[in-house]
């Protein structure tokens, strides 16, 4: 059986972002029902040196759109980090999902040995396509989605494992 880089990459990213979108919708309704200023949640942090919720969503989006773009040999689109509300964060996820869905399996499959260059703040990291997905992309998407979940749960939003995983099995 051969590896489908598309299935291995796109499927879990889309699932994670779709669940994140639903969690953000629940948070928006929660803030309204509890009369909490939404910006309090959008800017909430688990600890002072951890990025706020909005930045967690932005990073998950950036990593996801960067993954499919780089695997397909394209430059990722730049989204300005201007989101300050739940509707804006949800719209960003929608734009990210639309970008991901604009790629076909043929553009992604067979890229496991391709060289992927990832510009970072102070250096450029070099990966094979498979290592890029397994060592950088998926762990980062999961980390930032999980941190968003944790911020909201910590602030009283009643969500559980099914909200994070979605309908599985």
C-alpha atoms as a PDB file:
ATOM      1  CA  UNK A   1       0.000   0.000   0.000  1.00  0.00           C
ATOM      2  CA  UNK A   2       1.431   3.360  -0.937  1.00  0.00           C
ATOM      3  CA  UNK A   3       1.281   6.480   1.138  1.00  0.00           C
ATOM      4  CA  UNK A   4      -1.131   9.176  -0.002  1.00  0.00           C
ATOM      5  CA  UNK A   5       0.439  12.411   1.143  1.00  0.00           C
ATOM      6  CA  UNK A   6      -2.838  14.156   0.351  1.00  0.00           C
ATOM      7  CA  UNK A   7      -4.852  11.875   2.643  1.00  0.00           C
ATOM      8  CA  UNK A   8      -2.115  11.870   5.269  1.00  0.00           C
ATOM      9  CA  UNK A   9      -1.909  15.680   5.295  1.00  0.00           C
ATOM     10  CA  UNK A  10      -5.158  17.227   4.118  1.00  0.00           C
ATOM     11  CA  UNK A  11      -7.599  14.907   5.895  1.00  0.00           C
ATOM     12  CA  UNK A  12      -6.368  15.519   9.465  1.00  0.00           C
ATOM     13  CA  UNK A  13      -5.821  19.236   8.864  1.00  0.00           C
ATOM     14  CA  UNK A  14      -9.330  19.713   7.488  1.00  0.00           C
ATOM     15  CA  UNK A  15     -10.785  17.712  10.384  1.00  0.00           C
ATOM     16  CA  UNK A  16      -8.887  19.789  12.965  1.00  0.00           C
ATOM     17  CA  UNK A  17      -9.801  23.128  11.409  1.00  0.00           C
ATOM     18  CA  UNK A  18     -13.434  22.093  10.991  1.00  0.00           C
ATOM     19  CA  UNK A  19     -13.635  21.159  14.671  1.00  0.00           C
ATOM     20  CA  UNK A  20     -11.849  24.386  15.605  1.00  0.00           C
ATOM     21  CA  UNK A  21     -14.440  26.323  13.614  1.00  0.00           C
ATOM     22  CA  UNK A  22     -17.259  24.614  15.506  1.00  0.00           C
ATOM     23  CA  UNK A  23     -15.575  25.272  18.851  1.00  0.00           C
ATOM     24  CA  UNK A  24     -15.238  28.970  17.987  1.00  0.00           C
ATOM     25  CA  UNK A  25     -18.927  29.099  17.056  1.00  0.00           C
ATOM     26  CA  UNK A  26     -19.788  27.569  20.444  1.00  0.00           C
ATOM     27  CA  UNK A  27     -17.538  30.130  22.144  1.00  0.00           C
ATOM     28  CA  UNK A  28     -19.286  32.967  20.351  1.00  0.00           C
ATOM     29  CA  UNK A  29     -22.702  31.703  21.527  1.00  0.00           C
ATOM     30  CA  UNK A  30     -21.330  31.101  25.027  1.00  0.00           C
ATOM     31  CA  UNK A  31     -20.058  34.680  25.301  1.00  0.00           C
ATOM     32  CA  UNK A  32     -23.433  35.987  24.169  1.00  0.00           C
ATOM     33  CA  UNK A  33     -25.408  33.755  26.565  1.00  0.00           C
ATOM     34  CA  UNK A  34     -23.172  34.573  29.553  1.00  0.00           C
ATOM     35  CA  UNK A  35     -22.931  38.265  28.616  1.00  0.00           C
ATOM     36  CA  UNK A  36     -19.145  38.045  28.359  1.00  0.00           C
ATOM     37  CA  UNK A  37     -17.488  40.614  26.109  1.00  0.00           C
ATOM     38  CA  UNK A  38     -16.246  38.356  23.248  1.00  0.00           C
ATOM     39  CA  UNK A  39     -12.906  40.170  23.105  1.00  0.00           C
ATOM     40  CA  UNK A  40     -12.172  38.852  26.608  1.00  0.00           C
ATOM     41  CA  UNK A  41     -12.209  35.298  25.244  1.00  0.00           C
ATOM     42  CA  UNK A  42     -10.559  36.162  21.926  1.00  0.00           C
ATOM     43  CA  UNK A  43      -7.654  37.705  23.851  1.00  0.00           C
ATOM     44  CA  UNK A  44      -7.571  35.136  26.672  1.00  0.00           C
ATOM     45  CA  UNK A  45      -4.342  33.272  27.454  1.00  0.00           C
ATOM     46  CA  UNK A  46      -3.504  30.238  29.538  1.00  0.00           C
ATOM     47  CA  UNK A  47      -0.477  32.053  30.961  1.00  0.00           C
ATOM     48  CA  UNK A  48       1.023  35.514  30.342  1.00  0.00           C
ATOM     49  CA  UNK A  49       3.821  34.222  28.094  1.00  0.00           C
ATOM     50  CA  UNK A  50       1.516  32.115  25.886  1.00  0.00           C
ATOM     51  CA  UNK A  51      -0.124  33.624  22.811  1.00  0.00           C
ATOM     52  CA  UNK A  52      -3.785  34.621  23.148  1.00  0.00           C
ATOM     53  CA  UNK A  53      -6.572  32.590  21.563  1.00  0.00           C
ATOM     54  CA  UNK A  54      -6.694  34.708  18.398  1.00  0.00           C
ATOM     55  CA  UNK A  55      -2.989  34.114  17.722  1.00  0.00           C
ATOM     56  CA  UNK A  56      -3.404  30.375  18.299  1.00  0.00           C
ATOM     57  CA  UNK A  57      -6.051  30.307  15.556  1.00  0.00           C
ATOM     58  CA  UNK A  58      -3.929  32.436  13.233  1.00  0.00           C
ATOM     59  CA  UNK A  59      -0.929  30.140  13.644  1.00  0.00           C
ATOM     60  CA  UNK A  60      -3.006  26.991  13.057  1.00  0.00           C
ATOM     61  CA  UNK A  61      -4.290  28.643   9.876  1.00  0.00           C
ATOM     62  CA  UNK A  62      -0.808  29.678   8.745  1.00  0.00           C
ATOM     63  CA  UNK A  63       0.677  26.225   9.289  1.00  0.00           C
ATOM     64  CA  UNK A  64      -2.244  24.529   7.503  1.00  0.00           C
ATOM     65  CA  UNK A  65      -2.248  26.744   4.409  1.00  0.00           C
ATOM     66  CA  UNK A  66       1.534  26.690   4.322  1.00  0.00           C
ATOM     67  CA  UNK A  67       1.569  22.897   4.350  1.00  0.00           C
ATOM     68  CA  UNK A  68      -0.512  22.300   1.255  1.00  0.00           C
ATOM     69  CA  UNK A  69       1.062  25.218  -0.587  1.00  0.00           C
ATOM     70  CA  UNK A  70       4.640  24.136   0.063  1.00  0.00           C
ATOM     71  CA  UNK A  71       3.923  20.482  -0.701  1.00  0.00           C
ATOM     72  CA  UNK A  72       2.420  21.583  -4.023  1.00  0.00           C
ATOM     73  CA  UNK A  73       5.487  23.721  -4.744  1.00  0.00           C
ATOM     74  CA  UNK A  74       3.677  27.033  -4.307  1.00  0.00           C
ATOM     75  CA  UNK A  75       4.187  30.025  -2.081  1.00  0.00           C
ATOM     76  CA  UNK A  76       1.576  30.149   0.716  1.00  0.00           C
ATOM     77  CA  UNK A  77      -0.841  33.082   0.603  1.00  0.00           C
ATOM     78  CA  UNK A  78      -0.312  35.783   3.220  1.00  0.00           C
ATOM     79  CA  UNK A  79      -3.250  36.437   5.524  1.00  0.00           C
ATOM     80  CA  UNK A  80      -2.911  39.578   7.613  1.00  0.00           C
ATOM     81  CA  UNK A  81      -3.283  38.838  11.308  1.00  0.00           C
ATOM     82  CA  UNK A  82      -6.098  41.314  11.956  1.00  0.00           C
ATOM     83  CA  UNK A  83      -8.775  39.092  13.466  1.00  0.00           C
ATOM     84  CA  UNK A  84     -10.216  40.422  16.723  1.00  0.00           C
ATOM     85  CA  UNK A  85     -13.596  38.697  16.938  1.00  0.00           C
ATOM     86  CA  UNK A  86     -15.069  35.232  16.659  1.00  0.00           C
ATOM     87  CA  UNK A  87     -16.686  35.973  13.262  1.00  0.00           C
ATOM     88  CA  UNK A  88     -13.326  37.176  11.918  1.00  0.00           C
ATOM     89  CA  UNK A  89     -11.527  34.090  13.244  1.00  0.00           C
ATOM     90  CA  UNK A  90     -14.204  31.832  11.751  1.00  0.00           C
ATOM     91  CA  UNK A  91     -13.871  33.657   8.423  1.00  0.00           C
ATOM     92  CA  UNK A  92     -10.107  33.065   8.522  1.00  0.00           C
ATOM     93  CA  UNK A  93     -10.660  29.353   9.046  1.00  0.00           C
ATOM     94  CA  UNK A  94     -13.111  29.350   6.137  1.00  0.00           C
ATOM     95  CA  UNK A  95     -10.525  31.066   3.904  1.00  0.00           C
ATOM     96  CA  UNK A  96      -7.910  28.557   5.015  1.00  0.00           C
ATOM     97  CA  UNK A  97     -10.180  25.601   4.295  1.00  0.00           C
ATOM     98  CA  UNK A  98     -11.070  27.031   0.875  1.00  0.00           C
ATOM     99  CA  UNK A  99      -7.354  27.374   0.102  1.00  0.00           C
ATOM    100  CA  UNK A 100      -6.658  23.806   1.220  1.00  0.00           C
ATOM    101  CA  UNK A 101      -9.551  22.482  -0.880  1.00  0.00           C
ATOM    102  CA  UNK A 102      -8.192  24.292  -3.949  1.00  0.00           C
ATOM    103  CA  UNK A 103      -5.454  21.636  -4.188  1.00  0.00           C
ATOM    104  CA  UNK A 104      -5.970  18.233  -5.746  1.00  0.00           C
ATOM    105  CA  UNK A 105      -4.549  14.948  -4.548  1.00  0.00           C
ATOM    106  CA  UNK A 106      -2.366  14.901  -7.665  1.00  0.00           C
ATOM    107  CA  UNK A 107      -0.644  18.103  -6.535  1.00  0.00           C
ATOM    108  CA  UNK A 108       0.202  16.686  -3.097  1.00  0.00           C
ATOM    109  CA  UNK A 109       0.698  12.943  -3.623  1.00  0.00           C
ATOM    110  CA  UNK A 110       4.257  11.865  -4.308  1.00  0.00           C
ATOM    111  CA  UNK A 111       5.798  14.781  -2.397  1.00  0.00           C
ATOM    112  CA  UNK A 112       7.106  12.738   0.547  1.00  0.00           C
ATOM    113  CA  UNK A 113      10.728  12.998  -0.650  1.00  0.00           C
ATOM    114  CA  UNK A 114      10.535  16.553  -2.003  1.00  0.00           C
ATOM    115  CA  UNK A 115      12.698  19.158  -0.302  1.00  0.00           C
ATOM    116  CA  UNK A 116      10.617  21.631   1.670  1.00  0.00           C
ATOM    117  CA  UNK A 117      12.217  24.887   2.777  1.00  0.00           C
ATOM    118  CA  UNK A 118      10.497  26.549   5.711  1.00  0.00           C
ATOM    119  CA  UNK A 119      11.507  30.143   6.429  1.00  0.00           C
ATOM    120  CA  UNK A 120      11.605  30.728  10.183  1.00  0.00           C
ATOM    121  CA  UNK A 121      12.339  33.843  12.202  1.00  0.00           C
ATOM    122  CA  UNK A 122      16.087  33.290  12.422  1.00  0.00           C
ATOM    123  CA  UNK A 123      16.781  30.534   9.890  1.00  0.00           C
ATOM    124  CA  UNK A 124      15.366  28.348   7.150  1.00  0.00           C
ATOM    125  CA  UNK A 125      14.579  24.750   8.064  1.00  0.00           C
ATOM    126  CA  UNK A 126      14.917  22.007   5.463  1.00  0.00           C
ATOM    127  CA  UNK A 127      12.656  18.948   5.508  1.00  0.00           C
ATOM    128  CA  UNK A 128      11.598  16.134   3.236  1.00  0.00           C
ATOM    129  CA  UNK A 129       7.880  16.368   2.469  1.00  0.00           C
ATOM    130  CA  UNK A 130       7.027  13.517   4.832  1.00  0.00           C
ATOM    131  CA  UNK A 131       9.160  14.860   7.692  1.00  0.00           C
ATOM    132  CA  UNK A 132       7.649  18.320   7.159  1.00  0.00           C
ATOM    133  CA  UNK A 133       4.170  16.882   7.692  1.00  0.00           C
ATOM    134  CA  UNK A 134       4.995  14.470  10.533  1.00  0.00           C
ATOM    135  CA  UNK A 135       7.530  16.568  12.457  1.00  0.00           C
ATOM    136  CA  UNK A 136       6.262  20.109  11.909  1.00  0.00           C
ATOM    137  CA  UNK A 137       2.828  20.511  10.315  1.00  0.00           C
ATOM    138  CA  UNK A 138       0.606  18.059  12.168  1.00  0.00           C
ATOM    139  CA  UNK A 139       2.176  18.630  15.604  1.00  0.00           C
ATOM    140  CA  UNK A 140       1.805  22.401  15.171  1.00  0.00           C
ATOM    141  CA  UNK A 141      -1.794  22.277  13.941  1.00  0.00           C
ATOM    142  CA  UNK A 142      -2.729  19.959  16.813  1.00  0.00           C
ATOM    143  CA  UNK A 143      -0.839  22.088  19.363  1.00  0.00           C
ATOM    144  CA  UNK A 144      -2.518  25.361  18.398  1.00  0.00           C
ATOM    145  CA  UNK A 145      -5.989  23.836  18.066  1.00  0.00           C
ATOM    146  CA  UNK A 146      -5.548  22.115  21.436  1.00  0.00           C
ATOM    147  CA  UNK A 147      -4.337  25.332  23.055  1.00  0.00           C
ATOM    148  CA  UNK A 148      -7.375  27.194  21.686  1.00  0.00           C
ATOM    149  CA  UNK A 149      -9.576  24.440  23.123  1.00  0.00           C
ATOM    150  CA  UNK A 150      -7.789  24.671  26.489  1.00  0.00           C
ATOM    151  CA  UNK A 151      -8.137  28.461  26.664  1.00  0.00           C
ATOM    152  CA  UNK A 152     -11.872  28.244  26.052  1.00  0.00           C
ATOM    153  CA  UNK A 153     -12.384  25.297  28.401  1.00  0.00           C
ATOM    154  CA  UNK A 154     -10.420  27.126  31.082  1.00  0.00           C
ATOM    155  CA  UNK A 155     -12.777  30.074  30.622  1.00  0.00           C
ATOM    156  CA  UNK A 156     -15.872  27.968  31.218  1.00  0.00           C
ATOM    157  CA  UNK A 157     -16.944  26.862  27.750  1.00  0.00           C
ATOM    158  CA  UNK A 158     -18.524  23.447  28.152  1.00  0.00           C
ATOM    159  CA  UNK A 159     -16.723  21.452  25.485  1.00  0.00           C
ATOM    160  CA  UNK A 160     -15.298  17.982  25.579  1.00  0.00           C
ATOM    161  CA  UNK A 161     -13.258  15.472  23.663  1.00  0.00           C
ATOM    162  CA  UNK A 162     -15.976  14.993  21.026  1.00  0.00           C
ATOM    163  CA  UNK A 163     -15.824  18.728  20.242  1.00  0.00           C
ATOM    164  CA  UNK A 164     -12.102  18.368  19.602  1.00  0.00           C
ATOM    165  CA  UNK A 165     -12.169  15.069  17.715  1.00  0.00           C
ATOM    166  CA  UNK A 166     -15.511  15.386  15.960  1.00  0.00           C
ATOM    167  CA  UNK A 167     -17.621  12.397  15.046  1.00  0.00           C
ATOM    168  CA  UNK A 168     -15.226   9.472  14.817  1.00  0.00           C
ATOM    169  CA  UNK A 169     -15.897   5.785  14.464  1.00  0.00           C
END
